[in-house]
């Protein structure tokens, strides 16, 4: 009868278990396995494994990069929305009150009609309630001829903050869906890794040491954190800024995003202020790209720079070291 106890450890999928809390580890293990298959001698089983594993890892990588992009967009929405609510508290509500007091002094019935609870509704409560308070304020003043300009200012602000808040909620939905998609692809990836391990164990049963050339087992023994180095910043119009100064390798991979409105060019150059000219990557506003660092220029050049193509707008970027 089969053993009914805890079972031999090979029954457990170590790839799946080790990557349960680290999608980055799944990426590194999968990328290493694919690279090992690609460089192995052309034998029937190896050719078979290449053909079956390549689309699996490609799907996982697409989901992995997409989640990084979606997370970045969600973080940007959080910051943008938070800044607007901070502006409401520190600036806008006070400006609006001063404009009302210029016509109706504090303590008068008309002032009380416009601000029945003072400025408290703008300062406290959930975001939906604070937006409702702005809408109520606008509804009160819009018919008063004394507040034509004020009404326009409030309308512009509420349109902007509503757009940002709706974008934030939509990005949170995308973030959740991207996380679910990635988890599905992680399961598929790690099950394929486990299956490939079994096939390779069968092939090399007389010489199991060879199996180690297809998997980086050190990653399983010493898991990496699910974190990435991230860099973000700005570059003045028509100027160049250095993002990173380091030695890259053939396998170094990055995710670059243009988070502003100016077109930007990214490249590897010989100096911290050397502009990106003929070589490099051009990203238009809002674009993101996952690529090898070697695609940005000569790896002997250690300065990864960004050049702002626009002469009138500040450029903004974000870069993530994937590998």
C-alpha atoms as a PDB file:
ATOM      1  CA  UNK A   1       0.000   0.000   0.000  1.00  0.00           C
ATOM      2  CA  UNK A   2       1.201   3.538  -0.745  1.00  0.00           C
ATOM      3  CA  UNK A   3       2.558   5.591   2.122  1.00  0.00           C
ATOM      4  CA  UNK A   4      -0.346   7.455   3.762  1.00  0.00           C
ATOM      5  CA  UNK A   5       1.932   9.715   5.828  1.00  0.00           C
ATOM      6  CA  UNK A   6       3.273  13.159   5.008  1.00  0.00           C
ATOM      7  CA  UNK A   7       4.752  11.895   1.747  1.00  0.00           C
ATOM      8  CA  UNK A   8       8.122  12.184   0.129  1.00  0.00           C
ATOM      9  CA  UNK A   9       9.133  15.782  -0.454  1.00  0.00           C
ATOM     10  CA  UNK A  10       9.152  15.458  -4.250  1.00  0.00           C
ATOM     11  CA  UNK A  11       5.368  15.062  -4.085  1.00  0.00           C
ATOM     12  CA  UNK A  12       5.227  18.736  -3.116  1.00  0.00           C
ATOM     13  CA  UNK A  13       5.682  21.282  -5.889  1.00  0.00           C
ATOM     14  CA  UNK A  14       8.554  23.326  -4.468  1.00  0.00           C
ATOM     15  CA  UNK A  15       8.288  25.846  -7.308  1.00  0.00           C
ATOM     16  CA  UNK A  16       4.683  26.618  -6.446  1.00  0.00           C
ATOM     17  CA  UNK A  17       5.256  26.693  -2.684  1.00  0.00           C
ATOM     18  CA  UNK A  18       8.389  28.879  -2.821  1.00  0.00           C
ATOM     19  CA  UNK A  19       6.762  31.481  -5.079  1.00  0.00           C
ATOM     20  CA  UNK A  20       3.481  31.700  -3.194  1.00  0.00           C
ATOM     21  CA  UNK A  21       4.398  35.116  -1.802  1.00  0.00           C
ATOM     22  CA  UNK A  22       6.870  36.241  -4.467  1.00  0.00           C
ATOM     23  CA  UNK A  23       5.866  36.683  -8.087  1.00  0.00           C
ATOM     24  CA  UNK A  24       9.333  38.053  -8.723  1.00  0.00           C
ATOM     25  CA  UNK A  25      10.859  34.742  -7.629  1.00  0.00           C
ATOM     26  CA  UNK A  26       8.575  32.931 -10.063  1.00  0.00           C
ATOM     27  CA  UNK A  27       9.801  35.248 -12.808  1.00  0.00           C
ATOM     28  CA  UNK A  28      13.467  34.676 -12.000  1.00  0.00           C
ATOM     29  CA  UNK A  29      13.077  30.891 -11.805  1.00  0.00           C
ATOM     30  CA  UNK A  30      11.069  30.781 -15.029  1.00  0.00           C
ATOM     31  CA  UNK A  31      13.452  33.067 -16.882  1.00  0.00           C
ATOM     32  CA  UNK A  32      16.447  30.990 -15.766  1.00  0.00           C
ATOM     33  CA  UNK A  33      14.783  27.727 -16.843  1.00  0.00           C
ATOM     34  CA  UNK A  34      13.884  29.099 -20.264  1.00  0.00           C
ATOM     35  CA  UNK A  35      17.423  30.379 -20.756  1.00  0.00           C
ATOM     36  CA  UNK A  36      18.809  26.980 -19.763  1.00  0.00           C
ATOM     37  CA  UNK A  37      16.539  25.197 -22.230  1.00  0.00           C
ATOM     38  CA  UNK A  38      17.504  27.596 -25.012  1.00  0.00           C
ATOM     39  CA  UNK A  39      21.225  26.951 -24.537  1.00  0.00           C
ATOM     40  CA  UNK A  40      20.990  23.174 -24.019  1.00  0.00           C
ATOM     41  CA  UNK A  41      21.943  20.779 -26.850  1.00  0.00           C
ATOM     42  CA  UNK A  42      19.218  20.024 -29.375  1.00  0.00           C
ATOM     43  CA  UNK A  43      17.829  16.706 -28.198  1.00  0.00           C
ATOM     44  CA  UNK A  44      14.220  15.523 -28.734  1.00  0.00           C
ATOM     45  CA  UNK A  45      13.125  16.082 -25.128  1.00  0.00           C
ATOM     46  CA  UNK A  46      14.837  19.474 -24.893  1.00  0.00           C
ATOM     47  CA  UNK A  47      13.236  20.622 -28.138  1.00  0.00           C
ATOM     48  CA  UNK A  48       9.863  19.457 -26.807  1.00  0.00           C
ATOM     49  CA  UNK A  49      10.339  21.305 -23.501  1.00  0.00           C
ATOM     50  CA  UNK A  50      11.403  24.495 -25.257  1.00  0.00           C
ATOM     51  CA  UNK A  51       8.304  24.463 -27.452  1.00  0.00           C
ATOM     52  CA  UNK A  52       5.922  23.827 -24.548  1.00  0.00           C
ATOM     53  CA  UNK A  53       7.535  26.069 -21.929  1.00  0.00           C
ATOM     54  CA  UNK A  54       8.208  29.167 -24.054  1.00  0.00           C
ATOM     55  CA  UNK A  55       4.533  30.259 -24.403  1.00  0.00           C
ATOM     56  CA  UNK A  56       3.899  29.479 -20.737  1.00  0.00           C
ATOM     57  CA  UNK A  57       6.724  31.738 -19.585  1.00  0.00           C
ATOM     58  CA  UNK A  58       5.810  34.382 -22.179  1.00  0.00           C
ATOM     59  CA  UNK A  59       2.241  34.542 -20.812  1.00  0.00           C
ATOM     60  CA  UNK A  60       3.506  34.758 -17.247  1.00  0.00           C
ATOM     61  CA  UNK A  61       5.977  37.501 -18.137  1.00  0.00           C
ATOM     62  CA  UNK A  62       3.294  39.530 -19.920  1.00  0.00           C
ATOM     63  CA  UNK A  63       1.071  39.309 -16.840  1.00  0.00           C
ATOM     64  CA  UNK A  64       4.006  40.114 -14.574  1.00  0.00           C
ATOM     65  CA  UNK A  65       5.001  43.245 -16.488  1.00  0.00           C
ATOM     66  CA  UNK A  66       1.369  44.299 -16.844  1.00  0.00           C
ATOM     67  CA  UNK A  67       0.905  44.117 -13.084  1.00  0.00           C
ATOM     68  CA  UNK A  68       3.975  46.305 -12.561  1.00  0.00           C
ATOM     69  CA  UNK A  69       2.551  48.879 -14.973  1.00  0.00           C
ATOM     70  CA  UNK A  70      -0.932  48.753 -13.432  1.00  0.00           C
ATOM     71  CA  UNK A  71       0.492  49.048  -9.915  1.00  0.00           C
ATOM     72  CA  UNK A  72       2.490  52.072 -11.017  1.00  0.00           C
ATOM     73  CA  UNK A  73      -0.606  53.688 -12.526  1.00  0.00           C
ATOM     74  CA  UNK A  74      -2.599  52.966  -9.370  1.00  0.00           C
ATOM     75  CA  UNK A  75       0.113  54.497  -7.195  1.00  0.00           C
ATOM     76  CA  UNK A  76       0.171  57.572  -9.427  1.00  0.00           C
ATOM     77  CA  UNK A  77      -3.627  57.867  -9.095  1.00  0.00           C
ATOM     78  CA  UNK A  78      -3.395  57.591  -5.319  1.00  0.00           C
ATOM     79  CA  UNK A  79      -0.844  60.389  -5.181  1.00  0.00           C
ATOM     80  CA  UNK A  80      -2.752  62.602  -7.613  1.00  0.00           C
ATOM     81  CA  UNK A  81      -6.059  62.158  -5.767  1.00  0.00           C
ATOM     82  CA  UNK A  82      -4.443  62.647  -2.354  1.00  0.00           C
ATOM     83  CA  UNK A  83      -2.809  65.866  -3.571  1.00  0.00           C
ATOM     84  CA  UNK A  84      -6.180  67.213  -4.699  1.00  0.00           C
ATOM     85  CA  UNK A  85      -7.802  66.483  -1.347  1.00  0.00           C
ATOM     86  CA  UNK A  86      -4.828  68.080   0.396  1.00  0.00           C
ATOM     87  CA  UNK A  87      -5.286  71.129  -1.829  1.00  0.00           C
ATOM     88  CA  UNK A  88      -8.953  71.188  -0.818  1.00  0.00           C
ATOM     89  CA  UNK A  89      -8.037  71.335   2.872  1.00  0.00           C
ATOM     90  CA  UNK A  90      -5.043  73.645   2.771  1.00  0.00           C
ATOM     91  CA  UNK A  91      -5.988  76.016  -0.034  1.00  0.00           C
ATOM     92  CA  UNK A  92      -9.259  75.771  -1.895  1.00  0.00           C
ATOM     93  CA  UNK A  93     -11.739  75.629   0.983  1.00  0.00           C
ATOM     94  CA  UNK A  94     -10.048  78.622   2.615  1.00  0.00           C
ATOM     95  CA  UNK A  95     -10.069  80.599  -0.644  1.00  0.00           C
ATOM     96  CA  UNK A  96     -13.752  79.808  -1.132  1.00  0.00           C
ATOM     97  CA  UNK A  97     -14.596  80.879   2.400  1.00  0.00           C
ATOM     98  CA  UNK A  98     -12.770  84.191   1.949  1.00  0.00           C
ATOM     99  CA  UNK A  99     -14.694  84.824  -1.285  1.00  0.00           C
ATOM    100  CA  UNK A 100     -17.996  84.203   0.531  1.00  0.00           C
ATOM    101  CA  UNK A 101     -16.971  86.351   3.505  1.00  0.00           C
ATOM    102  CA  UNK A 102     -16.229  89.209   1.110  1.00  0.00           C
ATOM    103  CA  UNK A 103     -19.998  89.288   0.416  1.00  0.00           C
ATOM    104  CA  UNK A 104     -21.526  87.696   3.524  1.00  0.00           C
ATOM    105  CA  UNK A 105     -19.712  88.090   6.811  1.00  0.00           C
ATOM    106  CA  UNK A 106     -19.275  85.072   9.047  1.00  0.00           C
ATOM    107  CA  UNK A 107     -22.191  84.761  11.445  1.00  0.00           C
ATOM    108  CA  UNK A 108     -24.781  86.185   9.054  1.00  0.00           C
ATOM    109  CA  UNK A 109     -27.733  84.033   7.910  1.00  0.00           C
ATOM    110  CA  UNK A 110     -26.444  83.934   4.323  1.00  0.00           C
ATOM    111  CA  UNK A 111     -23.020  82.763   5.460  1.00  0.00           C
ATOM    112  CA  UNK A 112     -24.705  80.073   7.561  1.00  0.00           C
ATOM    113  CA  UNK A 113     -26.839  79.048   4.597  1.00  0.00           C
ATOM    114  CA  UNK A 114     -23.724  78.530   2.452  1.00  0.00           C
ATOM    115  CA  UNK A 115     -21.581  76.958   5.191  1.00  0.00           C
ATOM    116  CA  UNK A 116     -24.091  75.346   7.603  1.00  0.00           C
ATOM    117  CA  UNK A 117     -21.319  73.244   9.170  1.00  0.00           C
ATOM    118  CA  UNK A 118     -18.444  75.578   8.477  1.00  0.00           C
ATOM    119  CA  UNK A 119     -15.543  74.021   6.555  1.00  0.00           C
ATOM    120  CA  UNK A 120     -15.710  70.717   8.441  1.00  0.00           C
ATOM    121  CA  UNK A 121     -17.403  68.778   5.565  1.00  0.00           C
ATOM    122  CA  UNK A 122     -14.380  69.572   3.361  1.00  0.00           C
ATOM    123  CA  UNK A 123     -11.907  68.369   5.980  1.00  0.00           C
ATOM    124  CA  UNK A 124     -13.379  65.158   7.362  1.00  0.00           C
ATOM    125  CA  UNK A 125     -15.259  62.064   6.286  1.00  0.00           C
ATOM    126  CA  UNK A 126     -14.720  59.625   3.461  1.00  0.00           C
ATOM    127  CA  UNK A 127     -13.780  60.969   0.075  1.00  0.00           C
ATOM    128  CA  UNK A 128     -17.245  60.486  -1.399  1.00  0.00           C
ATOM    129  CA  UNK A 129     -18.751  62.600   1.400  1.00  0.00           C
ATOM    130  CA  UNK A 130     -16.197  65.358   0.900  1.00  0.00           C
ATOM    131  CA  UNK A 131     -16.907  65.436  -2.833  1.00  0.00           C
ATOM    132  CA  UNK A 132     -20.632  65.622  -2.008  1.00  0.00           C
ATOM    133  CA  UNK A 133     -19.874  68.594   0.268  1.00  0.00           C
ATOM    134  CA  UNK A 134     -18.200  70.426  -2.617  1.00  0.00           C
ATOM    135  CA  UNK A 135     -21.164  69.658  -4.878  1.00  0.00           C
ATOM    136  CA  UNK A 136     -23.584  70.939  -2.217  1.00  0.00           C
ATOM    137  CA  UNK A 137     -21.509  74.101  -1.833  1.00  0.00           C
ATOM    138  CA  UNK A 138     -21.569  74.655  -5.592  1.00  0.00           C
ATOM    139  CA  UNK A 139     -25.325  74.076  -5.684  1.00  0.00           C
ATOM    140  CA  UNK A 140     -25.798  76.784  -3.052  1.00  0.00           C
ATOM    141  CA  UNK A 141     -23.686  79.505  -4.667  1.00  0.00           C
ATOM    142  CA  UNK A 142     -24.271  78.884  -8.373  1.00  0.00           C
ATOM    143  CA  UNK A 143     -27.519  80.897  -8.490  1.00  0.00           C
ATOM    144  CA  UNK A 144     -26.072  83.843  -6.539  1.00  0.00           C
ATOM    145  CA  UNK A 145     -24.837  86.558  -8.997  1.00  0.00           C
ATOM    146  CA  UNK A 146     -22.225  87.577  -6.434  1.00  0.00           C
ATOM    147  CA  UNK A 147     -20.394  84.287  -6.945  1.00  0.00           C
ATOM    148  CA  UNK A 148     -20.161  83.840 -10.706  1.00  0.00           C
ATOM    149  CA  UNK A 149     -16.369  83.596 -10.742  1.00  0.00           C
ATOM    150  CA  UNK A 150     -16.316  81.519  -7.571  1.00  0.00           C
ATOM    151  CA  UNK A 151     -18.808  79.066  -9.087  1.00  0.00           C
ATOM    152  CA  UNK A 152     -16.579  78.607 -12.111  1.00  0.00           C
ATOM    153  CA  UNK A 153     -13.556  77.940  -9.887  1.00  0.00           C
ATOM    154  CA  UNK A 154     -15.459  75.396  -7.778  1.00  0.00           C
ATOM    155  CA  UNK A 155     -16.834  73.696 -10.902  1.00  0.00           C
ATOM    156  CA  UNK A 156     -13.333  73.341 -12.380  1.00  0.00           C
ATOM    157  CA  UNK A 157     -12.021  71.887  -9.126  1.00  0.00           C
ATOM    158  CA  UNK A 158     -14.856  69.419  -8.657  1.00  0.00           C
ATOM    159  CA  UNK A 159     -14.629  68.246 -12.266  1.00  0.00           C
ATOM    160  CA  UNK A 160     -10.921  67.629 -11.810  1.00  0.00           C
ATOM    161  CA  UNK A 161     -11.202  65.846  -8.463  1.00  0.00           C
ATOM    162  CA  UNK A 162     -14.103  63.692  -9.698  1.00  0.00           C
ATOM    163  CA  UNK A 163     -12.076  62.622 -12.714  1.00  0.00           C
ATOM    164  CA  UNK A 164      -9.094  61.760 -10.524  1.00  0.00           C
ATOM    165  CA  UNK A 165     -11.241  59.851  -8.045  1.00  0.00           C
ATOM    166  CA  UNK A 166     -12.995  57.857 -10.772  1.00  0.00           C
ATOM    167  CA  UNK A 167      -9.616  57.091 -12.353  1.00  0.00           C
ATOM    168  CA  UNK A 168      -8.348  55.934  -8.962  1.00  0.00           C
ATOM    169  CA  UNK A 169     -11.288  53.568  -8.499  1.00  0.00           C
ATOM    170  CA  UNK A 170     -10.887  52.226 -12.024  1.00  0.00           C
ATOM    171  CA  UNK A 171      -7.149  51.679 -11.504  1.00  0.00           C
ATOM    172  CA  UNK A 172      -7.850  49.807  -8.275  1.00  0.00           C
ATOM    173  CA  UNK A 173     -10.167  47.496 -10.221  1.00  0.00           C
ATOM    174  CA  UNK A 174      -7.471  46.995 -12.863  1.00  0.00           C
ATOM    175  CA  UNK A 175      -4.935  46.364 -10.117  1.00  0.00           C
ATOM    176  CA  UNK A 176      -7.090  43.648  -8.571  1.00  0.00           C
ATOM    177  CA  UNK A 177      -7.712  42.007 -11.943  1.00  0.00           C
ATOM    178  CA  UNK A 178      -4.022  42.164 -12.871  1.00  0.00           C
ATOM    179  CA  UNK A 179      -3.187  40.472  -9.572  1.00  0.00           C
ATOM    180  CA  UNK A 180      -5.692  37.692 -10.241  1.00  0.00           C
ATOM    181  CA  UNK A 181      -4.404  37.192 -13.783  1.00  0.00           C
ATOM    182  CA  UNK A 182      -0.813  37.018 -12.587  1.00  0.00           C
ATOM    183  CA  UNK A 183      -1.654  34.498  -9.886  1.00  0.00           C
ATOM    184  CA  UNK A 184      -3.338  32.294 -12.481  1.00  0.00           C
ATOM    185  CA  UNK A 185      -0.246  32.486 -14.680  1.00  0.00           C
ATOM    186  CA  UNK A 186       2.024  31.755 -11.688  1.00  0.00           C
ATOM    187  CA  UNK A 187       0.148  28.529 -11.016  1.00  0.00           C
ATOM    188  CA  UNK A 188       0.438  27.500 -14.672  1.00  0.00           C
ATOM    189  CA  UNK A 189       4.137  28.419 -14.735  1.00  0.00           C
ATOM    190  CA  UNK A 190       5.089  26.554 -11.567  1.00  0.00           C
ATOM    191  CA  UNK A 191       3.115  23.474 -12.579  1.00  0.00           C
ATOM    192  CA  UNK A 192       4.997  23.459 -15.887  1.00  0.00           C
ATOM    193  CA  UNK A 193       8.303  23.826 -14.048  1.00  0.00           C
ATOM    194  CA  UNK A 194       7.361  20.907 -11.814  1.00  0.00           C
ATOM    195  CA  UNK A 195       6.366  18.809 -14.824  1.00  0.00           C
ATOM    196  CA  UNK A 196       9.584  19.642 -16.648  1.00  0.00           C
ATOM    197  CA  UNK A 197      11.561  18.675 -13.566  1.00  0.00           C
ATOM    198  CA  UNK A 198       9.884  15.262 -13.620  1.00  0.00           C
ATOM    199  CA  UNK A 199      10.663  14.738 -17.302  1.00  0.00           C
ATOM    200  CA  UNK A 200      14.286  15.772 -16.817  1.00  0.00           C
ATOM    201  CA  UNK A 201      14.587  13.517 -13.753  1.00  0.00           C
ATOM    202  CA  UNK A 202      13.430  10.632 -15.916  1.00  0.00           C
ATOM    203  CA  UNK A 203      15.877  11.522 -18.690  1.00  0.00           C
ATOM    204  CA  UNK A 204      18.850  11.908 -16.357  1.00  0.00           C
ATOM    205  CA  UNK A 205      17.958   9.237 -13.812  1.00  0.00           C
ATOM    206  CA  UNK A 206      21.437   7.732 -14.174  1.00  0.00           C
ATOM    207  CA  UNK A 207      23.146  11.138 -13.916  1.00  0.00           C
ATOM    208  CA  UNK A 208      20.844  13.416 -11.868  1.00  0.00           C
ATOM    209  CA  UNK A 209      23.515  16.099 -11.423  1.00  0.00           C
ATOM    210  CA  UNK A 210      22.757  17.238 -14.972  1.00  0.00           C
ATOM    211  CA  UNK A 211      19.291  18.315 -13.841  1.00  0.00           C
ATOM    212  CA  UNK A 212      20.862  21.223 -11.955  1.00  0.00           C
ATOM    213  CA  UNK A 213      21.891  22.823 -15.237  1.00  0.00           C
ATOM    214  CA  UNK A 214      18.202  23.430 -16.033  1.00  0.00           C
ATOM    215  CA  UNK A 215      17.090  24.997 -12.738  1.00  0.00           C
ATOM    216  CA  UNK A 216      18.584  27.533 -10.359  1.00  0.00           C
ATOM    217  CA  UNK A 217      17.839  25.634  -7.173  1.00  0.00           C
ATOM    218  CA  UNK A 218      19.646  28.285  -5.132  1.00  0.00           C
ATOM    219  CA  UNK A 219      16.653  30.528  -5.767  1.00  0.00           C
ATOM    220  CA  UNK A 220      14.470  27.945  -4.036  1.00  0.00           C
ATOM    221  CA  UNK A 221      16.893  27.567  -1.165  1.00  0.00           C
ATOM    222  CA  UNK A 222      17.363  31.317  -0.721  1.00  0.00           C
ATOM    223  CA  UNK A 223      14.196  33.048  -2.007  1.00  0.00           C
ATOM    224  CA  UNK A 224      14.386  36.693  -3.049  1.00  0.00           C
ATOM    225  CA  UNK A 225      12.005  39.337  -1.753  1.00  0.00           C
ATOM    226  CA  UNK A 226       9.089  40.368  -3.925  1.00  0.00           C
ATOM    227  CA  UNK A 227      10.623  43.806  -4.363  1.00  0.00           C
ATOM    228  CA  UNK A 228      12.239  45.771  -7.164  1.00  0.00           C
ATOM    229  CA  UNK A 229      14.587  48.705  -7.349  1.00  0.00           C
ATOM    230  CA  UNK A 230      12.550  51.632  -8.591  1.00  0.00           C
ATOM    231  CA  UNK A 231      13.654  55.034  -9.799  1.00  0.00           C
ATOM    232  CA  UNK A 232      11.480  58.011 -10.686  1.00  0.00           C
ATOM    233  CA  UNK A 233      12.085  61.666 -11.305  1.00  0.00           C
ATOM    234  CA  UNK A 234      11.878  64.575 -13.693  1.00  0.00           C
ATOM    235  CA  UNK A 235      14.006  66.079 -16.443  1.00  0.00           C
ATOM    236  CA  UNK A 236      13.830  69.716 -17.475  1.00  0.00           C
ATOM    237  CA  UNK A 237      12.819  70.742 -20.987  1.00  0.00           C
ATOM    238  CA  UNK A 238      15.547  70.014 -23.584  1.00  0.00           C
ATOM    239  CA  UNK A 239      17.814  68.629 -20.848  1.00  0.00           C
ATOM    240  CA  UNK A 240      19.364  65.272 -19.907  1.00  0.00           C
ATOM    241  CA  UNK A 241      19.313  63.608 -16.487  1.00  0.00           C
ATOM    242  CA  UNK A 242      21.112  60.532 -15.171  1.00  0.00           C
ATOM    243  CA  UNK A 243      18.848  57.825 -13.731  1.00  0.00           C
ATOM    244  CA  UNK A 244      21.365  55.104 -12.797  1.00  0.00           C
ATOM    245  CA  UNK A 245      25.141  54.758 -12.780  1.00  0.00           C
ATOM    246  CA  UNK A 246      26.130  51.093 -12.663  1.00  0.00           C
ATOM    247  CA  UNK A 247      27.535  48.197 -14.649  1.00  0.00           C
ATOM    248  CA  UNK A 248      24.797  46.216 -16.410  1.00  0.00           C
ATOM    249  CA  UNK A 249      24.966  42.684 -17.832  1.00  0.00           C
ATOM    250  CA  UNK A 250      23.573  40.977 -20.929  1.00  0.00           C
ATOM    251  CA  UNK A 251      20.587  39.773 -18.895  1.00  0.00           C
ATOM    252  CA  UNK A 252      19.778  43.088 -17.167  1.00  0.00           C
ATOM    253  CA  UNK A 253      16.152  43.979 -17.795  1.00  0.00           C
ATOM    254  CA  UNK A 254      14.133  47.108 -16.992  1.00  0.00           C
ATOM    255  CA  UNK A 255      10.606  48.455 -17.237  1.00  0.00           C
ATOM    256  CA  UNK A 256      10.549  52.128 -18.252  1.00  0.00           C
ATOM    257  CA  UNK A 257       7.497  54.404 -18.220  1.00  0.00           C
ATOM    258  CA  UNK A 258       6.989  57.943 -19.453  1.00  0.00           C
ATOM    259  CA  UNK A 259       4.656  59.338 -16.793  1.00  0.00           C
ATOM    260  CA  UNK A 260       4.514  62.916 -18.049  1.00  0.00           C
ATOM    261  CA  UNK A 261       3.422  64.776 -21.192  1.00  0.00           C
ATOM    262  CA  UNK A 262       6.826  65.312 -22.854  1.00  0.00           C
ATOM    263  CA  UNK A 263       8.412  62.737 -25.171  1.00  0.00           C
ATOM    264  CA  UNK A 264      11.515  61.211 -23.582  1.00  0.00           C
ATOM    265  CA  UNK A 265      14.492  59.248 -24.871  1.00  0.00           C
ATOM    266  CA  UNK A 266      16.366  56.719 -22.714  1.00  0.00           C
ATOM    267  CA  UNK A 267      19.855  55.385 -23.429  1.00  0.00           C
ATOM    268  CA  UNK A 268      23.177  54.090 -22.110  1.00  0.00           C
ATOM    269  CA  UNK A 269      25.863  56.739 -22.511  1.00  0.00           C
ATOM    270  CA  UNK A 270      29.447  57.527 -21.529  1.00  0.00           C
ATOM    271  CA  UNK A 271      28.670  60.338 -19.093  1.00  0.00           C
ATOM    272  CA  UNK A 272      26.073  61.499 -16.589  1.00  0.00           C
ATOM    273  CA  UNK A 273      25.106  64.521 -18.696  1.00  0.00           C
ATOM    274  CA  UNK A 274      25.572  63.006 -22.153  1.00  0.00           C
ATOM    275  CA  UNK A 275      22.333  63.251 -24.109  1.00  0.00           C
ATOM    276  CA  UNK A 276      20.554  60.432 -25.905  1.00  0.00           C
ATOM    277  CA  UNK A 277      21.044  60.989 -29.607  1.00  0.00           C
ATOM    278  CA  UNK A 278      20.877  58.248 -32.260  1.00  0.00           C
ATOM    279  CA  UNK A 279      20.715  55.255 -29.905  1.00  0.00           C
ATOM    280  CA  UNK A 280      18.217  54.446 -27.201  1.00  0.00           C
ATOM    281  CA  UNK A 281      14.480  54.193 -26.701  1.00  0.00           C
ATOM    282  CA  UNK A 282      11.939  56.914 -27.470  1.00  0.00           C
ATOM    283  CA  UNK A 283       8.842  56.815 -25.275  1.00  0.00           C
ATOM    284  CA  UNK A 284       5.907  59.097 -25.923  1.00  0.00           C
ATOM    285  CA  UNK A 285       3.727  60.391 -23.093  1.00  0.00           C
ATOM    286  CA  UNK A 286       2.030  57.568 -21.217  1.00  0.00           C
ATOM    287  CA  UNK A 287       4.001  54.773 -22.883  1.00  0.00           C
ATOM    288  CA  UNK A 288       5.790  51.943 -21.046  1.00  0.00           C
ATOM    289  CA  UNK A 289       8.294  49.382 -22.313  1.00  0.00           C
ATOM    290  CA  UNK A 290       9.887  46.262 -20.891  1.00  0.00           C
ATOM    291  CA  UNK A 291      13.284  45.614 -22.458  1.00  0.00           C
ATOM    292  CA  UNK A 292      16.863  44.468 -21.982  1.00  0.00           C
ATOM    293  CA  UNK A 293      19.241  47.244 -20.952  1.00  0.00           C
ATOM    294  CA  UNK A 294      21.430  46.250 -23.901  1.00  0.00           C
ATOM    295  CA  UNK A 295      18.680  47.612 -26.167  1.00  0.00           C
ATOM    296  CA  UNK A 296      19.474  51.072 -24.807  1.00  0.00           C
ATOM    297  CA  UNK A 297      23.076  51.079 -26.011  1.00  0.00           C
ATOM    298  CA  UNK A 298      26.544  49.683 -25.434  1.00  0.00           C
ATOM    299  CA  UNK A 299      26.813  47.823 -22.103  1.00  0.00           C
ATOM    300  CA  UNK A 300      30.311  49.263 -21.693  1.00  0.00           C
ATOM    301  CA  UNK A 301      28.538  52.566 -21.024  1.00  0.00           C
ATOM    302  CA  UNK A 302      27.344  52.601 -17.418  1.00  0.00           C
ATOM    303  CA  UNK A 303      25.199  55.752 -17.382  1.00  0.00           C
ATOM    304  CA  UNK A 304      21.510  55.150 -18.036  1.00  0.00           C
ATOM    305  CA  UNK A 305      20.236  58.603 -18.963  1.00  0.00           C
ATOM    306  CA  UNK A 306      17.007  60.239 -20.072  1.00  0.00           C
ATOM    307  CA  UNK A 307      16.746  63.169 -22.491  1.00  0.00           C
ATOM    308  CA  UNK A 308      13.675  65.392 -22.683  1.00  0.00           C
ATOM    309  CA  UNK A 309      12.809  65.901 -26.354  1.00  0.00           C
ATOM    310  CA  UNK A 310      10.380  68.733 -25.600  1.00  0.00           C
ATOM    311  CA  UNK A 311      11.595  72.320 -25.302  1.00  0.00           C
ATOM    312  CA  UNK A 312       8.680  73.614 -23.216  1.00  0.00           C
ATOM    313  CA  UNK A 313       7.501  70.818 -20.879  1.00  0.00           C
ATOM    314  CA  UNK A 314       9.133  69.091 -17.908  1.00  0.00           C
ATOM    315  CA  UNK A 315       9.414  65.337 -18.417  1.00  0.00           C
ATOM    316  CA  UNK A 316       8.609  62.677 -15.819  1.00  0.00           C
ATOM    317  CA  UNK A 317       9.691  59.042 -15.815  1.00  0.00           C
ATOM    318  CA  UNK A 318       9.683  55.867 -13.775  1.00  0.00           C
ATOM    319  CA  UNK A 319      12.080  52.919 -14.112  1.00  0.00           C
ATOM    320  CA  UNK A 320      11.955  49.493 -12.489  1.00  0.00           C
ATOM    321  CA  UNK A 321      14.840  47.040 -12.419  1.00  0.00           C
ATOM    322  CA  UNK A 322      13.253  43.688 -13.249  1.00  0.00           C
ATOM    323  CA  UNK A 323      16.470  41.691 -13.417  1.00  0.00           C
END
